[in-house]
Amino acid sequence: MKQILVTGGAGFIGSHTCVELLQQGYEVIVVDNLCNANPEVFNRIQTITNQSLTFYEADLLDRSAIDAIFEQHRIDAVIHFAGLKAVGESTQIPIAYYHNNLTSTLLLLEVMAKHRVFNLVFSSSATVYGEHNPIPYVEHFPLSSTSPYGRTKVMIEQFLQDAFVADPRWNVSLLRYFNPVGAHPSGLIGEDPNGIPNNLMPFIAQVAVGKREKLSVFGGDYPTHDGTGVRDYIHVVDLALGHIKALQKLEEQPSASVEAYNLGAGKGYSVLEVLKAFEKAAGKDIAYSIEDRRAGDIAEFYANADKAKAELNWEVTLTLDDMCRDAWKWQSKNPNGFAK
């Protein structure tokens, strides 16, 4: 049985990935400082899988704590989710984002190298493509970003490329996510944002459950089929399975490498299409209003996911209706998220 360290495993994507890892027979060790997560998620993971994992409440900035975890376990690979992740917030406290996301990753890489663990799946983002690349985004495009959060992803990808050049034992998958949504079909785990949601679907879900009055749609005059922004949405379970495929590729390939993969549906849905699909799932109308565009938003973006299909044998299987159905099941069963 392979032992996998999951950093940030209590979060939205991390928790769903832990479920899939356990169901695939891996032994899972999670490290999370719980700054943006609730430990109740581990009880839910155990209920879903009828299996347990090992959890350490620790911060990746605490090198001695991370080193002790590696001393305690024979870790075979790391899936690295941990980090601050709100684009808007990153523009307000950029130094905190650079310190947390970059320093913690550097310390993690140093500890991994010390313990001769070189297999890594890194949680990157479609934000690394910036504003000026044509769509659909392809992995070989030049990288840039318009936010400190996105720039931390660009920089960490560069860290890992440089580490591999210096030491070709590094074996890394850079997974560039598009817009993860939905929830586990059990309704036991899902997205539980602190405060006002930054992303579309959890905001729609909170309006549908009565926590918020209405959805503000920013921009109704984009050059899209209905005037609202178009994004590539991917079910979080499909995304979690992408991590399993990436991990298997690292285990099976004959030589180490650093490879980037887009994990997306390969097509976009508009804000109003997502809204209408959620209304169908919830069986109710959802109030919304069209507002001015937000600075920095672009009309549309979506992935070219051909490389992930060819090299990882991965592609999405779940539809927008599936995403909305599962997100509504989670929100309606847990109107206050994991809070008691």
C-alpha atoms as a PDB file:
ATOM      1  CA  MET A   1       0.000   0.000   0.000  1.00  0.00           C
ATOM      2  CA  LYS A   2       1.356   3.413  -0.974  1.00  0.00           C
ATOM      3  CA  GLN A   3       1.465   6.164   1.646  1.00  0.00           C
ATOM      4  CA  ILE A   4       0.414   9.547   0.271  1.00  0.00           C
ATOM      5  CA  LEU A   5       0.844  12.834   2.132  1.00  0.00           C
ATOM      6  CA  VAL A   6      -1.949  15.279   1.272  1.00  0.00           C
ATOM      7  CA  THR A   7      -1.265  18.879   2.275  1.00  0.00           C
ATOM      8  CA  GLY A   8      -4.445  20.911   2.682  1.00  0.00           C
ATOM      9  CA  GLY A   9      -6.451  17.698   2.711  1.00  0.00           C
ATOM     10  CA  ALA A  10      -9.276  19.178   4.783  1.00  0.00           C
ATOM     11  CA  GLY A  11     -10.206  21.631   2.034  1.00  0.00           C
ATOM     12  CA  PHE A  12     -12.779  21.342  -0.743  1.00  0.00           C
ATOM     13  CA  ILE A  13     -10.659  19.634  -3.399  1.00  0.00           C
ATOM     14  CA  GLY A  14      -8.342  17.969  -0.899  1.00  0.00           C
ATOM     15  CA  SER A  15     -11.139  16.226   0.990  1.00  0.00           C
ATOM     16  CA  HIS A  16     -12.679  14.820  -2.191  1.00  0.00           C
ATOM     17  CA  THR A  17      -9.245  13.620  -3.297  1.00  0.00           C
ATOM     18  CA  CYS A  18      -8.762  11.892   0.071  1.00  0.00           C
ATOM     19  CA  VAL A  19     -12.008   9.990  -0.542  1.00  0.00           C
ATOM     20  CA  GLU A  20     -10.809   8.764  -3.929  1.00  0.00           C
ATOM     21  CA  LEU A  21      -7.345   7.862  -2.598  1.00  0.00           C
ATOM     22  CA  LEU A  22      -8.823   5.759   0.209  1.00  0.00           C
ATOM     23  CA  GLN A  23     -11.203   4.044  -2.185  1.00  0.00           C
ATOM     24  CA  GLN A  24      -8.262   3.219  -4.470  1.00  0.00           C
ATOM     25  CA  GLY A  25      -6.389   1.536  -1.614  1.00  0.00           C
ATOM     26  CA  TYR A  26      -3.871   4.223  -0.697  1.00  0.00           C
ATOM     27  CA  GLU A  27      -2.904   5.031   2.882  1.00  0.00           C
ATOM     28  CA  VAL A  28      -3.587   8.748   3.405  1.00  0.00           C
ATOM     29  CA  ILE A  29      -1.762  11.132   5.729  1.00  0.00           C
ATOM     30  CA  VAL A  30      -3.195  14.660   5.848  1.00  0.00           C
ATOM     31  CA  VAL A  31      -1.495  17.805   7.102  1.00  0.00           C
ATOM     32  CA  ASP A  32      -3.661  20.930   7.367  1.00  0.00           C
ATOM     33  CA  ASN A  33      -3.576  23.983   9.623  1.00  0.00           C
ATOM     34  CA  LEU A  34      -7.407  24.262   9.411  1.00  0.00           C
ATOM     35  CA  CYS A  35      -7.242  27.998   8.659  1.00  0.00           C
ATOM     36  CA  ASN A  36      -9.904  27.525   5.997  1.00  0.00           C
ATOM     37  CA  ALA A  37     -11.383  24.128   6.863  1.00  0.00           C
ATOM     38  CA  ASN A  38     -13.309  22.211   9.510  1.00  0.00           C
ATOM     39  CA  PRO A  39     -12.055  18.956  11.089  1.00  0.00           C
ATOM     40  CA  GLU A  40     -15.586  17.533  10.850  1.00  0.00           C
ATOM     41  CA  VAL A  41     -14.703  16.759   7.242  1.00  0.00           C
ATOM     42  CA  PHE A  42     -12.594  13.804   8.411  1.00  0.00           C
ATOM     43  CA  ASN A  43     -15.583  12.185  10.120  1.00  0.00           C
ATOM     44  CA  ARG A  44     -17.516  12.581   6.878  1.00  0.00           C
ATOM     45  CA  ILE A  45     -14.674  11.071   4.813  1.00  0.00           C
ATOM     46  CA  GLN A  46     -14.620   8.072   7.154  1.00  0.00           C
ATOM     47  CA  THR A  47     -18.401   7.667   6.807  1.00  0.00           C
ATOM     48  CA  ILE A  48     -18.196   7.733   3.001  1.00  0.00           C
ATOM     49  CA  THR A  49     -15.259   5.328   2.693  1.00  0.00           C
ATOM     50  CA  ASN A  50     -15.597   3.248   5.876  1.00  0.00           C
ATOM     51  CA  GLN A  51     -11.850   3.817   6.205  1.00  0.00           C
ATOM     52  CA  SER A  52      -9.686   6.071   8.313  1.00  0.00           C
ATOM     53  CA  LEU A  53      -6.803   8.397   7.556  1.00  0.00           C
ATOM     54  CA  THR A  54      -4.066   9.962   9.652  1.00  0.00           C
ATOM     55  CA  PHE A  55      -4.431  13.687  10.345  1.00  0.00           C
ATOM     56  CA  TYR A  56      -1.847  16.154  11.644  1.00  0.00           C
ATOM     57  CA  GLU A  57      -2.930  19.680  12.494  1.00  0.00           C
ATOM     58  CA  ALA A  58       0.212  21.523  11.473  1.00  0.00           C
ATOM     59  CA  ASP A  59       1.365  24.401   9.293  1.00  0.00           C
ATOM     60  CA  LEU A  60       3.728  23.843   6.386  1.00  0.00           C
ATOM     61  CA  LEU A  61       5.641  26.905   7.589  1.00  0.00           C
ATOM     62  CA  ASP A  62       6.622  24.834  10.641  1.00  0.00           C
ATOM     63  CA  ARG A  63       9.502  22.892   9.156  1.00  0.00           C
ATOM     64  CA  SER A  64      10.167  20.810  12.265  1.00  0.00           C
ATOM     65  CA  ALA A  65       6.551  19.635  12.382  1.00  0.00           C
ATOM     66  CA  ILE A  66       6.615  18.592   8.711  1.00  0.00           C
ATOM     67  CA  ASP A  67       9.978  16.892   9.131  1.00  0.00           C
ATOM     68  CA  ALA A  68       8.550  14.903  12.057  1.00  0.00           C
ATOM     69  CA  ILE A  69       5.682  13.656   9.846  1.00  0.00           C
ATOM     70  CA  PHE A  70       8.170  12.398   7.264  1.00  0.00           C
ATOM     71  CA  GLU A  71      10.155  10.723  10.054  1.00  0.00           C
ATOM     72  CA  GLN A  72       7.007   8.981  11.268  1.00  0.00           C
ATOM     73  CA  HIS A  73       5.819   7.659   7.879  1.00  0.00           C
ATOM     74  CA  ARG A  74       7.378   6.071   4.791  1.00  0.00           C
ATOM     75  CA  ILE A  75       5.782   8.553   2.397  1.00  0.00           C
ATOM     76  CA  ASP A  76       5.825   7.614  -1.295  1.00  0.00           C
ATOM     77  CA  ALA A  77       4.362  10.769  -2.820  1.00  0.00           C
ATOM     78  CA  VAL A  78       2.885  14.154  -1.914  1.00  0.00           C
ATOM     79  CA  ILE A  79      -0.232  15.864  -3.251  1.00  0.00           C
ATOM     80  CA  HIS A  80       0.193  19.546  -2.443  1.00  0.00           C
ATOM     81  CA  PHE A  81      -3.048  21.528  -2.079  1.00  0.00           C
ATOM     82  CA  ALA A  82      -2.204  23.727   0.914  1.00  0.00           C
ATOM     83  CA  GLY A  83      -2.176  27.481   0.367  1.00  0.00           C
ATOM     84  CA  LEU A  84      -4.181  30.672   0.558  1.00  0.00           C
ATOM     85  CA  LYS A  85      -6.454  30.765  -2.464  1.00  0.00           C
ATOM     86  CA  ALA A  86      -8.712  33.836  -2.791  1.00  0.00           C
ATOM     87  CA  VAL A  87      -7.804  35.951  -5.822  1.00  0.00           C
ATOM     88  CA  GLY A  88      -9.439  39.129  -4.497  1.00  0.00           C
ATOM     89  CA  GLU A  89      -7.963  38.792  -1.026  1.00  0.00           C
ATOM     90  CA  SER A  90      -4.517  38.252  -2.520  1.00  0.00           C
ATOM     91  CA  THR A  91      -4.620  41.764  -4.017  1.00  0.00           C
ATOM     92  CA  GLN A  92      -5.312  43.192  -0.547  1.00  0.00           C
ATOM     93  CA  ILE A  93      -2.681  41.234   1.418  1.00  0.00           C
ATOM     94  CA  PRO A  94      -0.126  40.204  -1.224  1.00  0.00           C
ATOM     95  CA  ILE A  95       2.803  39.825   1.173  1.00  0.00           C
ATOM     96  CA  ALA A  96       0.851  37.310   3.247  1.00  0.00           C
ATOM     97  CA  TYR A  97       0.066  35.323   0.086  1.00  0.00           C
ATOM     98  CA  TYR A  98       3.661  35.325  -1.135  1.00  0.00           C
ATOM     99  CA  HIS A  99       4.991  34.360   2.283  1.00  0.00           C
ATOM    100  CA  ASN A 100       2.455  31.631   2.949  1.00  0.00           C
ATOM    101  CA  ASN A 101       2.243  30.005  -0.474  1.00  0.00           C
ATOM    102  CA  LEU A 102       5.858  30.328  -1.578  1.00  0.00           C
ATOM    103  CA  THR A 103       7.736  29.844   1.688  1.00  0.00           C
ATOM    104  CA  SER A 104       5.635  26.872   2.753  1.00  0.00           C
ATOM    105  CA  THR A 105       6.198  25.169  -0.599  1.00  0.00           C
ATOM    106  CA  LEU A 106       9.946  25.733  -0.472  1.00  0.00           C
ATOM    107  CA  LEU A 107      10.098  24.259   3.029  1.00  0.00           C
ATOM    108  CA  LEU A 108       8.007  21.283   1.901  1.00  0.00           C
ATOM    109  CA  LEU A 109      10.347  20.651  -1.035  1.00  0.00           C
ATOM    110  CA  GLU A 110      13.387  20.824   1.239  1.00  0.00           C
ATOM    111  CA  VAL A 111      11.880  18.276   3.635  1.00  0.00           C
ATOM    112  CA  MET A 112      10.849  16.019   0.756  1.00  0.00           C
ATOM    113  CA  ALA A 113      14.365  16.076  -0.681  1.00  0.00           C
ATOM    114  CA  LYS A 114      15.861  15.342   2.747  1.00  0.00           C
ATOM    115  CA  HIS A 115      13.703  12.213   2.970  1.00  0.00           C
ATOM    116  CA  ARG A 116      14.230  11.290  -0.699  1.00  0.00           C
ATOM    117  CA  VAL A 117      10.581  11.733  -1.647  1.00  0.00           C
ATOM    118  CA  PHE A 118      10.491  13.165  -5.162  1.00  0.00           C
ATOM    119  CA  ASN A 119       7.010  12.278  -6.447  1.00  0.00           C
ATOM    120  CA  LEU A 120       4.747  15.339  -6.278  1.00  0.00           C
ATOM    121  CA  VAL A 121       1.335  16.291  -7.638  1.00  0.00           C
ATOM    122  CA  PHE A 122       0.951  20.062  -7.415  1.00  0.00           C
ATOM    123  CA  SER A 123      -2.346  21.943  -7.267  1.00  0.00           C
ATOM    124  CA  SER A 124      -1.883  24.698  -9.831  1.00  0.00           C
ATOM    125  CA  SER A 125      -4.529  26.822 -11.551  1.00  0.00           C
ATOM    126  CA  ALA A 126      -5.816  28.119 -14.865  1.00  0.00           C
ATOM    127  CA  THR A 127      -4.941  31.590 -13.546  1.00  0.00           C
ATOM    128  CA  VAL A 128      -1.369  30.901 -14.755  1.00  0.00           C
ATOM    129  CA  TYR A 129      -2.534  31.626 -18.323  1.00  0.00           C
ATOM    130  CA  GLY A 130      -3.119  35.327 -17.625  1.00  0.00           C
ATOM    131  CA  GLU A 131      -5.286  37.588 -19.767  1.00  0.00           C
ATOM    132  CA  HIS A 132      -3.767  37.506 -23.236  1.00  0.00           C
ATOM    133  CA  ASN A 133      -3.559  33.868 -24.350  1.00  0.00           C
ATOM    134  CA  PRO A 134      -6.162  32.699 -26.885  1.00  0.00           C
ATOM    135  CA  ILE A 135      -8.766  30.124 -25.886  1.00  0.00           C
ATOM    136  CA  PRO A 136      -8.845  27.239 -25.396  1.00  0.00           C
ATOM    137  CA  TYR A 137      -5.775  27.311 -23.137  1.00  0.00           C
ATOM    138  CA  VAL A 138      -3.044  24.795 -24.002  1.00  0.00           C
ATOM    139  CA  GLU A 139      -0.263  23.736 -21.645  1.00  0.00           C
ATOM    140  CA  HIS A 140       2.578  25.144 -23.755  1.00  0.00           C
ATOM    141  CA  PHE A 141       1.223  28.732 -23.649  1.00  0.00           C
ATOM    142  CA  PRO A 142       3.372  31.373 -21.904  1.00  0.00           C
ATOM    143  CA  LEU A 143       2.479  31.910 -18.254  1.00  0.00           C
ATOM    144  CA  SER A 144       1.535  35.083 -16.425  1.00  0.00           C
ATOM    145  CA  SER A 145      -1.074  36.215 -13.929  1.00  0.00           C
ATOM    146  CA  THR A 146      -3.010  39.301 -12.916  1.00  0.00           C
ATOM    147  CA  SER A 147      -3.150  38.560  -9.159  1.00  0.00           C
ATOM    148  CA  PRO A 148      -0.669  37.752  -6.388  1.00  0.00           C
ATOM    149  CA  TYR A 149      -2.478  34.434  -5.887  1.00  0.00           C
ATOM    150  CA  GLY A 150      -1.997  33.496  -9.531  1.00  0.00           C
ATOM    151  CA  ARG A 151       1.611  34.630  -9.473  1.00  0.00           C
ATOM    152  CA  THR A 152       2.325  32.273  -6.566  1.00  0.00           C
ATOM    153  CA  LYS A 153       1.151  29.418  -8.806  1.00  0.00           C
ATOM    154  CA  VAL A 154       3.362  30.605 -11.672  1.00  0.00           C
ATOM    155  CA  MET A 155       6.350  30.916  -9.332  1.00  0.00           C
ATOM    156  CA  ILE A 156       5.850  27.504  -7.742  1.00  0.00           C
ATOM    157  CA  GLU A 157       5.634  25.900 -11.179  1.00  0.00           C
ATOM    158  CA  GLN A 158       8.976  27.585 -11.947  1.00  0.00           C
ATOM    159  CA  PHE A 159      10.432  26.363  -8.625  1.00  0.00           C
ATOM    160  CA  LEU A 160       9.564  22.821  -9.623  1.00  0.00           C
ATOM    161  CA  GLN A 161      10.942  23.146 -13.159  1.00  0.00           C
ATOM    162  CA  ASP A 162      14.216  24.514 -11.770  1.00  0.00           C
ATOM    163  CA  ALA A 163      14.386  21.797  -9.098  1.00  0.00           C
ATOM    164  CA  PHE A 164      14.070  19.131 -11.799  1.00  0.00           C
ATOM    165  CA  VAL A 165      16.828  20.693 -13.923  1.00  0.00           C
ATOM    166  CA  ALA A 166      19.148  20.648 -10.906  1.00  0.00           C
ATOM    167  CA  ASP A 167      18.082  17.196  -9.691  1.00  0.00           C
ATOM    168  CA  PRO A 168      16.312  14.948 -12.234  1.00  0.00           C
ATOM    169  CA  ARG A 169      14.923  12.713  -9.504  1.00  0.00           C
ATOM    170  CA  TRP A 170      12.034  15.184  -9.154  1.00  0.00           C
ATOM    171  CA  ASN A 171       8.921  13.651 -10.704  1.00  0.00           C
ATOM    172  CA  VAL A 172       6.122  16.200 -10.823  1.00  0.00           C
ATOM    173  CA  SER A 173       2.629  16.673 -12.242  1.00  0.00           C
ATOM    174  CA  LEU A 174       1.423  20.282 -12.398  1.00  0.00           C
ATOM    175  CA  LEU A 175      -2.368  20.141 -12.487  1.00  0.00           C
ATOM    176  CA  ARG A 176      -3.945  23.347 -13.761  1.00  0.00           C
ATOM    177  CA  TYR A 177      -7.538  23.420 -12.530  1.00  0.00           C
ATOM    178  CA  PHE A 178     -10.299  25.374 -14.158  1.00  0.00           C
ATOM    179  CA  ASN A 179     -13.479  25.924 -12.055  1.00  0.00           C
ATOM    180  CA  PRO A 180     -14.122  23.089  -9.572  1.00  0.00           C
ATOM    181  CA  VAL A 181     -17.753  22.892  -8.413  1.00  0.00           C
ATOM    182  CA  GLY A 182     -20.267  20.340  -7.168  1.00  0.00           C
ATOM    183  CA  ALA A 183     -19.884  18.052  -4.170  1.00  0.00           C
ATOM    184  CA  HIS A 184     -19.633  14.387  -3.286  1.00  0.00           C
ATOM    185  CA  PRO A 185     -22.864  12.670  -4.420  1.00  0.00           C
ATOM    186  CA  SER A 186     -23.485  11.497  -0.844  1.00  0.00           C
ATOM    187  CA  GLY A 187     -24.083  15.103   0.201  1.00  0.00           C
ATOM    188  CA  LEU A 188     -21.690  14.592   3.126  1.00  0.00           C
ATOM    189  CA  ILE A 189     -18.808  16.767   1.921  1.00  0.00           C
ATOM    190  CA  GLY A 190     -18.779  19.825  -0.307  1.00  0.00           C
ATOM    191  CA  GLU A 191     -17.597  23.402  -0.618  1.00  0.00           C
ATOM    192  CA  ASP A 192     -17.822  25.296   2.688  1.00  0.00           C
ATOM    193  CA  PRO A 193     -16.424  28.809   2.126  1.00  0.00           C
ATOM    194  CA  ASN A 194     -15.707  31.167   4.991  1.00  0.00           C
ATOM    195  CA  GLY A 195     -17.818  34.320   4.802  1.00  0.00           C
ATOM    196  CA  ILE A 196     -19.122  35.518   1.445  1.00  0.00           C
ATOM    197  CA  PRO A 197     -18.321  32.956  -1.270  1.00  0.00           C
ATOM    198  CA  ASN A 198     -15.779  34.050  -3.871  1.00  0.00           C
ATOM    199  CA  ASN A 199     -17.024  31.613  -6.496  1.00  0.00           C
ATOM    200  CA  LEU A 200     -20.240  31.401  -8.492  1.00  0.00           C
ATOM    201  CA  MET A 201     -21.800  28.075  -7.579  1.00  0.00           C
ATOM    202  CA  PRO A 202     -21.484  28.246  -3.776  1.00  0.00           C
ATOM    203  CA  PHE A 203     -22.992  31.743  -3.956  1.00  0.00           C
ATOM    204  CA  ILE A 204     -25.914  30.454  -6.041  1.00  0.00           C
ATOM    205  CA  ALA A 205     -26.336  27.590  -3.565  1.00  0.00           C
ATOM    206  CA  GLN A 206     -26.480  29.989  -0.617  1.00  0.00           C
ATOM    207  CA  VAL A 207     -29.135  32.077  -2.378  1.00  0.00           C
ATOM    208  CA  ALA A 208     -31.123  28.921  -3.107  1.00  0.00           C
ATOM    209  CA  VAL A 209     -30.979  27.806   0.530  1.00  0.00           C
ATOM    210  CA  GLY A 210     -32.022  31.248   1.779  1.00  0.00           C
ATOM    211  CA  LYS A 211     -28.732  32.451   3.258  1.00  0.00           C
ATOM    212  CA  ARG A 212     -28.353  35.268   0.720  1.00  0.00           C
ATOM    213  CA  GLU A 213     -30.913  37.489  -0.979  1.00  0.00           C
ATOM    214  CA  LYS A 214     -29.815  37.306  -4.593  1.00  0.00           C
ATOM    215  CA  LEU A 215     -26.979  36.615  -6.984  1.00  0.00           C
ATOM    216  CA  SER A 216     -25.152  39.565  -8.528  1.00  0.00           C
ATOM    217  CA  VAL A 217     -24.144  38.733 -12.116  1.00  0.00           C
ATOM    218  CA  PHE A 218     -21.177  40.913 -12.977  1.00  0.00           C
ATOM    219  CA  GLY A 219     -21.480  41.821 -16.630  1.00  0.00           C
ATOM    220  CA  GLY A 220     -24.372  41.231 -18.992  1.00  0.00           C
ATOM    221  CA  ASP A 221     -22.785  42.711 -22.114  1.00  0.00           C
ATOM    222  CA  TYR A 222     -19.854  40.392 -22.829  1.00  0.00           C
ATOM    223  CA  PRO A 223     -19.445  39.116 -26.418  1.00  0.00           C
ATOM    224  CA  THR A 224     -20.896  35.721 -25.442  1.00  0.00           C
ATOM    225  CA  HIS A 225     -24.136  34.028 -26.490  1.00  0.00           C
ATOM    226  CA  ASP A 226     -26.113  35.490 -23.561  1.00  0.00           C
ATOM    227  CA  GLY A 227     -23.876  38.389 -22.529  1.00  0.00           C
ATOM    228  CA  THR A 228     -22.597  36.796 -19.314  1.00  0.00           C
ATOM    229  CA  GLY A 229     -19.116  35.431 -18.641  1.00  0.00           C
ATOM    230  CA  VAL A 230     -18.279  31.906 -19.752  1.00  0.00           C
ATOM    231  CA  ARG A 231     -16.073  29.586 -17.670  1.00  0.00           C
ATOM    232  CA  ASP A 232     -14.960  25.961 -17.753  1.00  0.00           C
ATOM    233  CA  TYR A 233     -16.652  24.181 -14.812  1.00  0.00           C
ATOM    234  CA  ILE A 234     -15.510  20.758 -13.640  1.00  0.00           C
ATOM    235  CA  HIS A 235     -17.125  18.470 -11.078  1.00  0.00           C
ATOM    236  CA  VAL A 236     -14.890  18.148  -8.006  1.00  0.00           C
ATOM    237  CA  VAL A 237     -15.135  14.338  -8.163  1.00  0.00           C
ATOM    238  CA  ASP A 238     -13.821  14.354 -11.739  1.00  0.00           C
ATOM    239  CA  LEU A 239     -11.051  16.666 -10.541  1.00  0.00           C
ATOM    240  CA  ALA A 240     -10.185  14.371  -7.616  1.00  0.00           C
ATOM    241  CA  LEU A 241      -9.959  11.426 -10.001  1.00  0.00           C
ATOM    242  CA  GLY A 242      -7.532  13.470 -12.101  1.00  0.00           C
ATOM    243  CA  HIS A 243      -5.177  13.479  -9.115  1.00  0.00           C
ATOM    244  CA  ILE A 244      -5.363   9.689  -8.898  1.00  0.00           C
ATOM    245  CA  LYS A 245      -4.490   9.430 -12.593  1.00  0.00           C
ATOM    246  CA  ALA A 246      -1.583  11.858 -12.173  1.00  0.00           C
ATOM    247  CA  LEU A 247      -0.301   9.897  -9.178  1.00  0.00           C
ATOM    248  CA  GLN A 248      -0.503   6.627 -11.092  1.00  0.00           C
ATOM    249  CA  LYS A 249       1.440   8.180 -13.971  1.00  0.00           C
ATOM    250  CA  LEU A 250       4.224   9.232 -11.586  1.00  0.00           C
ATOM    251  CA  GLU A 251       4.356   5.696 -10.178  1.00  0.00           C
ATOM    252  CA  GLU A 252       4.401   3.967 -13.552  1.00  0.00           C
ATOM    253  CA  GLN A 253       6.490   6.133 -15.878  1.00  0.00           C
ATOM    254  CA  PRO A 254      10.062   4.890 -16.461  1.00  0.00           C
ATOM    255  CA  SER A 255      11.810   8.236 -15.926  1.00  0.00           C
ATOM    256  CA  ALA A 256      11.107  11.355 -13.919  1.00  0.00           C
ATOM    257  CA  SER A 257       9.764  14.556 -15.482  1.00  0.00           C
ATOM    258  CA  VAL A 258       7.820  17.733 -14.799  1.00  0.00           C
ATOM    259  CA  GLU A 259       4.624  17.865 -16.846  1.00  0.00           C
ATOM    260  CA  ALA A 260       1.675  20.268 -16.794  1.00  0.00           C
ATOM    261  CA  TYR A 261      -1.899  19.129 -17.421  1.00  0.00           C
ATOM    262  CA  ASN A 262      -5.113  21.088 -17.815  1.00  0.00           C
ATOM    263  CA  LEU A 263      -7.964  19.574 -15.823  1.00  0.00           C
ATOM    264  CA  GLY A 264     -11.117  21.023 -17.297  1.00  0.00           C
ATOM    265  CA  ALA A 265     -14.176  20.063 -19.300  1.00  0.00           C
ATOM    266  CA  GLY A 266     -12.841  21.598 -22.496  1.00  0.00           C
ATOM    267  CA  LYS A 267     -15.909  23.780 -22.932  1.00  0.00           C
ATOM    268  CA  GLY A 268     -17.519  26.680 -21.136  1.00  0.00           C
ATOM    269  CA  TYR A 269     -20.851  27.479 -19.524  1.00  0.00           C
ATOM    270  CA  SER A 270     -22.170  31.000 -19.011  1.00  0.00           C
ATOM    271  CA  VAL A 271     -23.233  32.386 -15.647  1.00  0.00           C
ATOM    272  CA  LEU A 272     -26.884  32.269 -16.689  1.00  0.00           C
ATOM    273  CA  GLU A 273     -26.563  28.669 -17.913  1.00  0.00           C
ATOM    274  CA  VAL A 274     -25.174  27.657 -14.524  1.00  0.00           C
ATOM    275  CA  LEU A 275     -27.956  29.589 -12.795  1.00  0.00           C
ATOM    276  CA  LYS A 276     -30.695  27.914 -14.854  1.00  0.00           C
ATOM    277  CA  ALA A 277     -29.188  24.456 -14.298  1.00  0.00           C
ATOM    278  CA  PHE A 278     -29.099  25.111 -10.548  1.00  0.00           C
ATOM    279  CA  GLU A 279     -32.732  26.255 -10.590  1.00  0.00           C
ATOM    280  CA  LYS A 280     -33.609  22.945 -12.235  1.00  0.00           C
ATOM    281  CA  ALA A 281     -31.677  20.983  -9.585  1.00  0.00           C
ATOM    282  CA  ALA A 282     -33.194  22.926  -6.676  1.00  0.00           C
ATOM    283  CA  GLY A 283     -36.690  23.087  -8.133  1.00  0.00           C
ATOM    284  CA  LYS A 284     -37.006  26.815  -7.469  1.00  0.00           C
ATOM    285  CA  ASP A 285     -36.328  30.211  -8.998  1.00  0.00           C
ATOM    286  CA  ILE A 286     -33.151  31.977  -7.857  1.00  0.00           C
ATOM    287  CA  ALA A 287     -33.144  35.764  -7.669  1.00  0.00           C
ATOM    288  CA  TYR A 288     -30.391  37.599  -9.542  1.00  0.00           C
ATOM    289  CA  SER A 289     -29.529  40.988 -10.968  1.00  0.00           C
ATOM    290  CA  ILE A 290     -27.168  42.084 -13.715  1.00  0.00           C
ATOM    291  CA  GLU A 291     -24.439  44.416 -12.430  1.00  0.00           C
ATOM    292  CA  ASP A 292     -21.488  46.210 -14.005  1.00  0.00           C
ATOM    293  CA  ARG A 293     -18.491  44.167 -15.059  1.00  0.00           C
ATOM    294  CA  ARG A 294     -15.722  43.665 -12.513  1.00  0.00           C
ATOM    295  CA  ALA A 295     -12.279  45.016 -13.344  1.00  0.00           C
ATOM    296  CA  GLY A 296      -9.980  42.317 -14.676  1.00  0.00           C
ATOM    297  CA  ASP A 297     -12.679  39.807 -15.660  1.00  0.00           C
ATOM    298  CA  ILE A 298     -12.527  38.412 -19.180  1.00  0.00           C
ATOM    299  CA  ALA A 299     -15.403  37.255 -21.370  1.00  0.00           C
ATOM    300  CA  GLU A 300     -14.591  33.576 -21.453  1.00  0.00           C
ATOM    301  CA  PHE A 301     -11.965  30.934 -20.909  1.00  0.00           C
ATOM    302  CA  TYR A 302     -11.857  27.177 -21.062  1.00  0.00           C
ATOM    303  CA  ALA A 303      -9.340  24.356 -21.317  1.00  0.00           C
ATOM    304  CA  ASN A 304      -7.898  22.247 -24.027  1.00  0.00           C
ATOM    305  CA  ALA A 305      -7.734  18.992 -22.034  1.00  0.00           C
ATOM    306  CA  ASP A 306      -6.362  16.752 -24.803  1.00  0.00           C
ATOM    307  CA  LYS A 307      -3.015  16.209 -23.065  1.00  0.00           C
ATOM    308  CA  ALA A 308      -4.624  14.892 -19.877  1.00  0.00           C
ATOM    309  CA  LYS A 309      -6.748  12.521 -21.947  1.00  0.00           C
ATOM    310  CA  ALA A 310      -3.772  11.249 -23.954  1.00  0.00           C
ATOM    311  CA  GLU A 311      -1.172  10.961 -21.185  1.00  0.00           C
ATOM    312  CA  LEU A 312      -3.223  10.440 -18.008  1.00  0.00           C
ATOM    313  CA  ASN A 313      -6.187   8.611 -19.545  1.00  0.00           C
ATOM    314  CA  TRP A 314      -8.406  11.169 -17.827  1.00  0.00           C
ATOM    315  CA  GLU A 315     -11.422  13.137 -18.980  1.00  0.00           C
ATOM    316  CA  VAL A 316     -14.548  14.520 -17.364  1.00  0.00           C
ATOM    317  CA  THR A 317     -17.559  12.233 -17.080  1.00  0.00           C
ATOM    318  CA  LEU A 318     -19.956  14.409 -15.047  1.00  0.00           C
ATOM    319  CA  THR A 319     -22.209  17.081 -16.547  1.00  0.00           C
ATOM    320  CA  LEU A 320     -23.346  20.537 -15.463  1.00  0.00           C
ATOM    321  CA  ASP A 321     -26.604  18.956 -14.278  1.00  0.00           C
ATOM    322  CA  ASP A 322     -24.560  16.534 -12.139  1.00  0.00           C
ATOM    323  CA  MET A 323     -22.552  19.432 -10.697  1.00  0.00           C
ATOM    324  CA  CYS A 324     -25.677  21.373  -9.747  1.00  0.00           C
ATOM    325  CA  ARG A 325     -27.531  18.329  -8.394  1.00  0.00           C
ATOM    326  CA  ASP A 326     -24.656  17.382  -6.091  1.00  0.00           C
ATOM    327  CA  ALA A 327     -23.946  20.963  -5.004  1.00  0.00           C
ATOM    328  CA  TRP A 328     -27.621  21.416  -4.095  1.00  0.00           C
ATOM    329  CA  LYS A 329     -27.751  18.109  -2.216  1.00  0.00           C
ATOM    330  CA  TRP A 330     -24.727  19.194  -0.164  1.00  0.00           C
ATOM    331  CA  GLN A 331     -26.044  22.720   0.495  1.00  0.00           C
ATOM    332  CA  SER A 332     -29.608  21.683   1.291  1.00  0.00           C
ATOM    333  CA  LYS A 333     -28.428  18.983   3.705  1.00  0.00           C
ATOM    334  CA  ASN A 334     -25.776  21.274   5.229  1.00  0.00           C
ATOM    335  CA  PRO A 335     -27.113  24.856   5.035  1.00  0.00           C
ATOM    336  CA  ASN A 336     -24.346  26.025   7.384  1.00  0.00           C
ATOM    337  CA  GLY A 337     -21.634  23.832   5.902  1.00  0.00           C
ATOM    338  CA  PHE A 338     -19.734  21.722   8.420  1.00  0.00           C
ATOM    339  CA  ALA A 339     -20.775  23.949  11.354  1.00  0.00           C
ATOM    340  CA  LYS A 340     -22.745  22.070  13.983  1.00  0.00           C
END
